[in-house]
Amino acid sequence: MRVKICGITNLNDALQAVEVGADALGFVFYEKSPRFITPEAAAEITRKLPPFVERVGLFVNESPEEIDRICLESGMGLAQIHFDVDESFLGHLQIKSLPVVRAKKQEDVKRFQERYRLVDAYCEAYGGSGKRLNLEWFEGVDCSKIILAGGLTPENVEELKPYGFYAVDVSSGTEADKGIKDPLKVKKFIAHAKSL
């Protein structure tokens, strides 16, 4: 299973996550988040990352033009759209995009089912809340294009084995403090996820 470590705010955390097997790193370009990073600071980190590690920018309530500009400036390869949009909005982006489904009910997990999408638990704040989704919602659903987020930890990621998710995305579950990763939690989380 592929793993994205989100909420990267410094080079040390980024390099440590890559060293223990992270497939993707997430950078939060949402000023109200405790994990916010400026495009300039993100660019400093992405320039020093090895190849074949996906760089993902997380956006809330931005225009397609602003998302494209920030991704170009900061070295992102993918934009994670963490607010309610439609296919028309996604079609206006130049950069490859990943829509986020903030699921409130079981039917929500089937939104954007023709696309790769990230499914997270709904909360008023955008991401990093540690709130978990009900795994029963995914029974009988094709999860091969779903990246699951929300309340994942090194201790519970193994519960996902029966569902066949494409990837998992973790932020708060691997932190020592908001915006600062705990290297042991990151290592343990990735090891457990990759064993699924």
C-alpha atoms as a PDB file:
ATOM      1  CA  MET A   1       0.000   0.000   0.000  1.00  0.00           C
ATOM      2  CA  ARG A   2       1.238   3.478  -0.841  1.00  0.00           C
ATOM      3  CA  VAL A   3       1.706   6.047   1.913  1.00  0.00           C
ATOM      4  CA  LYS A   4       1.471   9.827   1.951  1.00  0.00           C
ATOM      5  CA  ILE A   5       2.844  11.680   4.962  1.00  0.00           C
ATOM      6  CA  CYS A   6       1.003  15.005   5.112  1.00  0.00           C
ATOM      7  CA  GLY A   7       1.648  18.238   6.981  1.00  0.00           C
ATOM      8  CA  ILE A   8       5.374  18.467   6.196  1.00  0.00           C
ATOM      9  CA  THR A   9       6.814  21.744   7.493  1.00  0.00           C
ATOM     10  CA  ASN A  10      10.574  21.165   7.515  1.00  0.00           C
ATOM     11  CA  LEU A  11      13.322  19.427   5.548  1.00  0.00           C
ATOM     12  CA  ASN A  12      14.341  17.049   8.328  1.00  0.00           C
ATOM     13  CA  ASP A  13      10.833  15.562   8.609  1.00  0.00           C
ATOM     14  CA  ALA A  14      10.610  15.288   4.819  1.00  0.00           C
ATOM     15  CA  LEU A  15      13.908  13.453   4.410  1.00  0.00           C
ATOM     16  CA  GLN A  16      13.240  11.118   7.336  1.00  0.00           C
ATOM     17  CA  ALA A  17       9.830  10.167   5.907  1.00  0.00           C
ATOM     18  CA  VAL A  18      11.336   9.454   2.486  1.00  0.00           C
ATOM     19  CA  GLU A  19      14.145   7.428   4.036  1.00  0.00           C
ATOM     20  CA  VAL A  20      11.663   5.047   5.694  1.00  0.00           C
ATOM     21  CA  GLY A  21       9.543   4.601   2.575  1.00  0.00           C
ATOM     22  CA  ALA A  22       7.028   7.440   2.122  1.00  0.00           C
ATOM     23  CA  ASP A  23       5.705   7.504  -1.457  1.00  0.00           C
ATOM     24  CA  ALA A  24       4.362  11.046  -1.207  1.00  0.00           C
ATOM     25  CA  LEU A  25       4.714  14.108   1.003  1.00  0.00           C
ATOM     26  CA  GLY A  26       1.944  16.630   1.612  1.00  0.00           C
ATOM     27  CA  PHE A  27       2.403  20.386   2.017  1.00  0.00           C
ATOM     28  CA  VAL A  28      -0.481  22.445   3.406  1.00  0.00           C
ATOM     29  CA  PHE A  29      -1.025  25.789   1.645  1.00  0.00           C
ATOM     30  CA  TYR A  30      -3.931  26.790   3.878  1.00  0.00           C
ATOM     31  CA  GLU A  31      -3.047  29.665   6.187  1.00  0.00           C
ATOM     32  CA  LYS A  32      -5.476  28.676   8.964  1.00  0.00           C
ATOM     33  CA  SER A  33      -3.820  25.286   9.416  1.00  0.00           C
ATOM     34  CA  PRO A  34      -1.217  24.737  12.162  1.00  0.00           C
ATOM     35  CA  ARG A  35       0.703  22.844   9.449  1.00  0.00           C
ATOM     36  CA  PHE A  36       0.705  25.769   6.992  1.00  0.00           C
ATOM     37  CA  ILE A  37       3.828  26.245   4.916  1.00  0.00           C
ATOM     38  CA  THR A  38       4.591  29.059   2.480  1.00  0.00           C
ATOM     39  CA  PRO A  39       5.257  28.207  -1.170  1.00  0.00           C
ATOM     40  CA  GLU A  40       8.806  29.555  -0.756  1.00  0.00           C
ATOM     41  CA  ALA A  41       9.530  27.306   2.237  1.00  0.00           C
ATOM     42  CA  ALA A  42       7.999  24.303   0.468  1.00  0.00           C
ATOM     43  CA  ALA A  43      10.174  24.990  -2.599  1.00  0.00           C
ATOM     44  CA  GLU A  44      13.288  24.918  -0.394  1.00  0.00           C
ATOM     45  CA  ILE A  45      12.290  21.425   0.753  1.00  0.00           C
ATOM     46  CA  THR A  46      11.125  20.012  -2.596  1.00  0.00           C
ATOM     47  CA  ARG A  47      14.387  21.038  -4.298  1.00  0.00           C
ATOM     48  CA  LYS A  48      16.261  18.727  -1.906  1.00  0.00           C
ATOM     49  CA  LEU A  49      13.992  15.690  -2.232  1.00  0.00           C
ATOM     50  CA  PRO A  50      15.072  12.671  -4.267  1.00  0.00           C
ATOM     51  CA  PRO A  51      13.258  11.807  -7.508  1.00  0.00           C
ATOM     52  CA  PHE A  52      10.191   9.543  -7.570  1.00  0.00           C
ATOM     53  CA  VAL A  53       8.704  11.024  -4.401  1.00  0.00           C
ATOM     54  CA  GLU A  54       5.353  12.678  -5.151  1.00  0.00           C
ATOM     55  CA  ARG A  55       4.989  16.244  -3.863  1.00  0.00           C
ATOM     56  CA  VAL A  56       1.376  17.090  -3.048  1.00  0.00           C
ATOM     57  CA  GLY A  57       0.013  20.560  -2.287  1.00  0.00           C
ATOM     58  CA  LEU A  58      -3.147  20.774  -0.157  1.00  0.00           C
ATOM     59  CA  PHE A  59      -5.514  23.641  -0.958  1.00  0.00           C
ATOM     60  CA  VAL A  60      -8.663  25.080   0.607  1.00  0.00           C
ATOM     61  CA  ASN A  61     -10.890  27.666  -1.101  1.00  0.00           C
ATOM     62  CA  GLU A  62      -8.433  28.773  -3.779  1.00  0.00           C
ATOM     63  CA  SER A  63      -9.038  29.482  -7.465  1.00  0.00           C
ATOM     64  CA  PRO A  64      -7.662  27.147 -10.136  1.00  0.00           C
ATOM     65  CA  GLU A  65      -5.263  29.886 -11.233  1.00  0.00           C
ATOM     66  CA  GLU A  66      -3.892  30.355  -7.707  1.00  0.00           C
ATOM     67  CA  ILE A  67      -3.538  26.597  -7.191  1.00  0.00           C
ATOM     68  CA  ASP A  68      -1.579  26.262 -10.443  1.00  0.00           C
ATOM     69  CA  ARG A  69       0.642  29.238  -9.555  1.00  0.00           C
ATOM     70  CA  ILE A  70       1.492  27.948  -6.072  1.00  0.00           C
ATOM     71  CA  CYS A  71       2.158  24.417  -7.333  1.00  0.00           C
ATOM     72  CA  LEU A  72       4.545  25.709  -9.979  1.00  0.00           C
ATOM     73  CA  GLU A  73       6.314  27.992  -7.504  1.00  0.00           C
ATOM     74  CA  SER A  74       6.669  25.333  -4.807  1.00  0.00           C
ATOM     75  CA  GLY A  75       7.546  22.300  -6.936  1.00  0.00           C
ATOM     76  CA  MET A  76       4.321  20.337  -6.432  1.00  0.00           C
ATOM     77  CA  GLY A  77       3.363  17.548  -8.822  1.00  0.00           C
ATOM     78  CA  LEU A  78      -0.213  17.135  -7.590  1.00  0.00           C
ATOM     79  CA  ALA A  79      -2.875  19.405  -6.075  1.00  0.00           C
ATOM     80  CA  GLN A  80      -5.090  17.961  -3.328  1.00  0.00           C
ATOM     81  CA  ILE A  81      -8.362  19.890  -3.492  1.00  0.00           C
ATOM     82  CA  HIS A  82      -9.632  19.863   0.079  1.00  0.00           C
ATOM     83  CA  PHE A  83     -12.922  21.697  -0.460  1.00  0.00           C
ATOM     84  CA  ASP A  84     -16.135  20.990  -2.335  1.00  0.00           C
ATOM     85  CA  VAL A  85     -15.614  21.268  -6.089  1.00  0.00           C
ATOM     86  CA  ASP A  86     -17.059  19.715  -9.223  1.00  0.00           C
ATOM     87  CA  GLU A  87     -15.580  18.255 -12.401  1.00  0.00           C
ATOM     88  CA  SER A  88     -15.693  21.675 -14.064  1.00  0.00           C
ATOM     89  CA  PHE A  89     -13.407  23.166 -11.394  1.00  0.00           C
ATOM     90  CA  LEU A  90     -10.972  20.247 -11.689  1.00  0.00           C
ATOM     91  CA  GLY A  91     -10.994  20.656 -15.464  1.00  0.00           C
ATOM     92  CA  HIS A  92      -9.752  24.242 -15.149  1.00  0.00           C
ATOM     93  CA  LEU A  93      -6.579  23.158 -13.349  1.00  0.00           C
ATOM     94  CA  GLN A  94      -3.371  22.795 -15.337  1.00  0.00           C
ATOM     95  CA  ILE A  95      -1.801  20.632 -12.616  1.00  0.00           C
ATOM     96  CA  LYS A  96      -2.911  17.069 -11.969  1.00  0.00           C
ATOM     97  CA  SER A  97      -5.471  17.070  -9.170  1.00  0.00           C
ATOM     98  CA  LEU A  98      -6.785  14.844  -6.421  1.00  0.00           C
ATOM     99  CA  PRO A  99     -10.295  15.710  -5.199  1.00  0.00           C
ATOM    100  CA  VAL A 100     -11.056  15.195  -1.522  1.00  0.00           C
ATOM    101  CA  VAL A 101     -14.367  13.760  -0.366  1.00  0.00           C
ATOM    102  CA  ARG A 102     -15.129  14.956   3.172  1.00  0.00           C
ATOM    103  CA  ALA A 103     -17.567  12.162   3.933  1.00  0.00           C
ATOM    104  CA  LYS A 104     -20.568  12.840   6.190  1.00  0.00           C
ATOM    105  CA  LYS A 105     -22.550   9.763   5.165  1.00  0.00           C
ATOM    106  CA  GLN A 106     -21.981   6.396   3.508  1.00  0.00           C
ATOM    107  CA  GLU A 107     -23.084   7.506   0.015  1.00  0.00           C
ATOM    108  CA  ASP A 108     -20.364  10.187  -0.002  1.00  0.00           C
ATOM    109  CA  VAL A 109     -17.589   7.612  -0.394  1.00  0.00           C
ATOM    110  CA  LYS A 110     -18.789   6.964  -3.959  1.00  0.00           C
ATOM    111  CA  ARG A 111     -18.324  10.595  -5.096  1.00  0.00           C
ATOM    112  CA  PHE A 112     -15.767  10.965  -7.924  1.00  0.00           C
ATOM    113  CA  GLN A 113     -15.727   7.166  -8.202  1.00  0.00           C
ATOM    114  CA  GLU A 114     -14.278   7.326 -11.738  1.00  0.00           C
ATOM    115  CA  ARG A 115     -11.233   9.174 -10.364  1.00  0.00           C
ATOM    116  CA  TYR A 116      -8.534   8.602  -7.829  1.00  0.00           C
ATOM    117  CA  ARG A 117      -9.748  10.540  -4.795  1.00  0.00           C
ATOM    118  CA  LEU A 118      -8.950  11.019  -1.144  1.00  0.00           C
ATOM    119  CA  VAL A 119     -11.726  10.179   1.306  1.00  0.00           C
ATOM    120  CA  ASP A 120     -11.556  11.828   4.722  1.00  0.00           C
ATOM    121  CA  ALA A 121     -13.919  12.201   7.653  1.00  0.00           C
ATOM    122  CA  TYR A 122     -15.908  15.417   7.545  1.00  0.00           C
ATOM    123  CA  CYS A 123     -14.944  18.057  10.097  1.00  0.00           C
ATOM    124  CA  GLU A 124     -15.303  21.829  10.205  1.00  0.00           C
ATOM    125  CA  ALA A 125     -11.541  22.292  10.126  1.00  0.00           C
ATOM    126  CA  TYR A 126      -9.913  21.061   6.923  1.00  0.00           C
ATOM    127  CA  GLY A 127      -7.796  17.983   7.694  1.00  0.00           C
ATOM    128  CA  GLY A 128      -5.503  16.919  10.484  1.00  0.00           C
ATOM    129  CA  SER A 129      -8.324  16.460  12.992  1.00  0.00           C
ATOM    130  CA  GLY A 130      -7.609  12.805  13.717  1.00  0.00           C
ATOM    131  CA  LYS A 131     -11.301  11.982  13.160  1.00  0.00           C
ATOM    132  CA  ARG A 132     -11.933   8.469  11.797  1.00  0.00           C
ATOM    133  CA  LEU A 133     -14.369   7.240   9.187  1.00  0.00           C
ATOM    134  CA  ASN A 134     -16.617   4.243   9.709  1.00  0.00           C
ATOM    135  CA  LEU A 135     -14.876   1.437   7.808  1.00  0.00           C
ATOM    136  CA  GLU A 136     -18.230  -0.319   7.312  1.00  0.00           C
ATOM    137  CA  TRP A 137     -19.011   2.406   4.754  1.00  0.00           C
ATOM    138  CA  PHE A 138     -16.443   0.810   2.427  1.00  0.00           C
ATOM    139  CA  GLU A 139     -17.836  -2.718   2.491  1.00  0.00           C
ATOM    140  CA  GLY A 140     -18.751  -3.730  -1.062  1.00  0.00           C
ATOM    141  CA  VAL A 141     -17.137  -0.560  -2.500  1.00  0.00           C
ATOM    142  CA  ASP A 142     -14.295  -0.699  -5.047  1.00  0.00           C
ATOM    143  CA  CYS A 143     -11.563   0.993  -2.979  1.00  0.00           C
ATOM    144  CA  SER A 144      -8.787   0.602  -5.574  1.00  0.00           C
ATOM    145  CA  LYS A 145      -8.882   4.341  -6.400  1.00  0.00           C
ATOM    146  CA  ILE A 146      -9.386   5.564  -2.825  1.00  0.00           C
ATOM    147  CA  ILE A 147      -6.713   7.144  -0.671  1.00  0.00           C
ATOM    148  CA  LEU A 148      -8.021   6.894   2.889  1.00  0.00           C
ATOM    149  CA  ALA A 149      -7.341   9.620   5.438  1.00  0.00           C
ATOM    150  CA  GLY A 150      -8.656  10.526   8.863  1.00  0.00           C
ATOM    151  CA  GLY A 151      -7.670   9.240  12.269  1.00  0.00           C
ATOM    152  CA  LEU A 152      -5.067   6.761  11.031  1.00  0.00           C
ATOM    153  CA  THR A 153      -2.246   5.754  13.372  1.00  0.00           C
ATOM    154  CA  PRO A 154       0.538   3.152  13.408  1.00  0.00           C
ATOM    155  CA  GLU A 155      -1.721   1.095  15.693  1.00  0.00           C
ATOM    156  CA  ASN A 156      -4.900   1.025  13.583  1.00  0.00           C
ATOM    157  CA  VAL A 157      -3.688   1.109   9.957  1.00  0.00           C
ATOM    158  CA  GLU A 158      -3.633  -2.703   9.828  1.00  0.00           C
ATOM    159  CA  GLU A 159      -7.441  -2.693  10.146  1.00  0.00           C
ATOM    160  CA  LEU A 160      -7.593  -1.523   6.518  1.00  0.00           C
ATOM    161  CA  LYS A 161      -6.227  -4.757   5.052  1.00  0.00           C
ATOM    162  CA  PRO A 162      -9.555  -6.250   3.857  1.00  0.00           C
ATOM    163  CA  TYR A 163     -10.571  -3.180   1.836  1.00  0.00           C
ATOM    164  CA  GLY A 164      -7.875  -2.829  -0.832  1.00  0.00           C
ATOM    165  CA  PHE A 165      -7.354   0.926  -0.618  1.00  0.00           C
ATOM    166  CA  TYR A 166      -4.924   2.404  -3.142  1.00  0.00           C
ATOM    167  CA  ALA A 167      -3.112   4.385  -0.443  1.00  0.00           C
ATOM    168  CA  VAL A 168      -3.322   5.937   3.002  1.00  0.00           C
ATOM    169  CA  ASP A 169      -2.694   9.527   4.030  1.00  0.00           C
ATOM    170  CA  VAL A 170      -1.652  10.423   7.571  1.00  0.00           C
ATOM    171  CA  SER A 171      -0.914  13.703   9.316  1.00  0.00           C
ATOM    172  CA  SER A 172      -1.748  14.015  13.018  1.00  0.00           C
ATOM    173  CA  GLY A 173      -1.270  10.266  13.614  1.00  0.00           C
ATOM    174  CA  THR A 174       2.486  10.595  13.030  1.00  0.00           C
ATOM    175  CA  GLU A 175       3.154  13.852  14.881  1.00  0.00           C
ATOM    176  CA  ALA A 176       5.075  14.704  18.026  1.00  0.00           C
ATOM    177  CA  ASP A 177       3.379  18.118  17.946  1.00  0.00           C
ATOM    178  CA  LYS A 178       1.277  19.953  15.324  1.00  0.00           C
ATOM    179  CA  GLY A 179       3.461  20.323  12.247  1.00  0.00           C
ATOM    180  CA  ILE A 180       6.359  18.310  13.736  1.00  0.00           C
ATOM    181  CA  LYS A 181       6.714  14.625  12.929  1.00  0.00           C
ATOM    182  CA  ASP A 182       7.699  11.881  15.351  1.00  0.00           C
ATOM    183  CA  PRO A 183      10.265   9.821  13.383  1.00  0.00           C
ATOM    184  CA  LEU A 184       9.396   6.593  15.200  1.00  0.00           C
ATOM    185  CA  LYS A 185       5.669   7.000  14.542  1.00  0.00           C
ATOM    186  CA  VAL A 186       6.364   7.749  10.868  1.00  0.00           C
ATOM    187  CA  LYS A 187       8.598   4.690  10.529  1.00  0.00           C
ATOM    188  CA  LYS A 188       6.116   2.424  12.322  1.00  0.00           C
ATOM    189  CA  PHE A 189       3.138   3.740  10.336  1.00  0.00           C
ATOM    190  CA  ILE A 190       4.853   3.225   6.976  1.00  0.00           C
ATOM    191  CA  ALA A 191       6.115  -0.251   7.950  1.00  0.00           C
ATOM    192  CA  HIS A 192       2.619  -1.339   9.004  1.00  0.00           C
ATOM    193  CA  ALA A 193       0.915   0.165   5.925  1.00  0.00           C
ATOM    194  CA  LYS A 194       3.431  -1.391   3.518  1.00  0.00           C
ATOM    195  CA  SER A 195       2.872  -4.824   5.073  1.00  0.00           C
ATOM    196  CA  LEU A 196      -0.823  -4.808   4.069  1.00  0.00           C
END
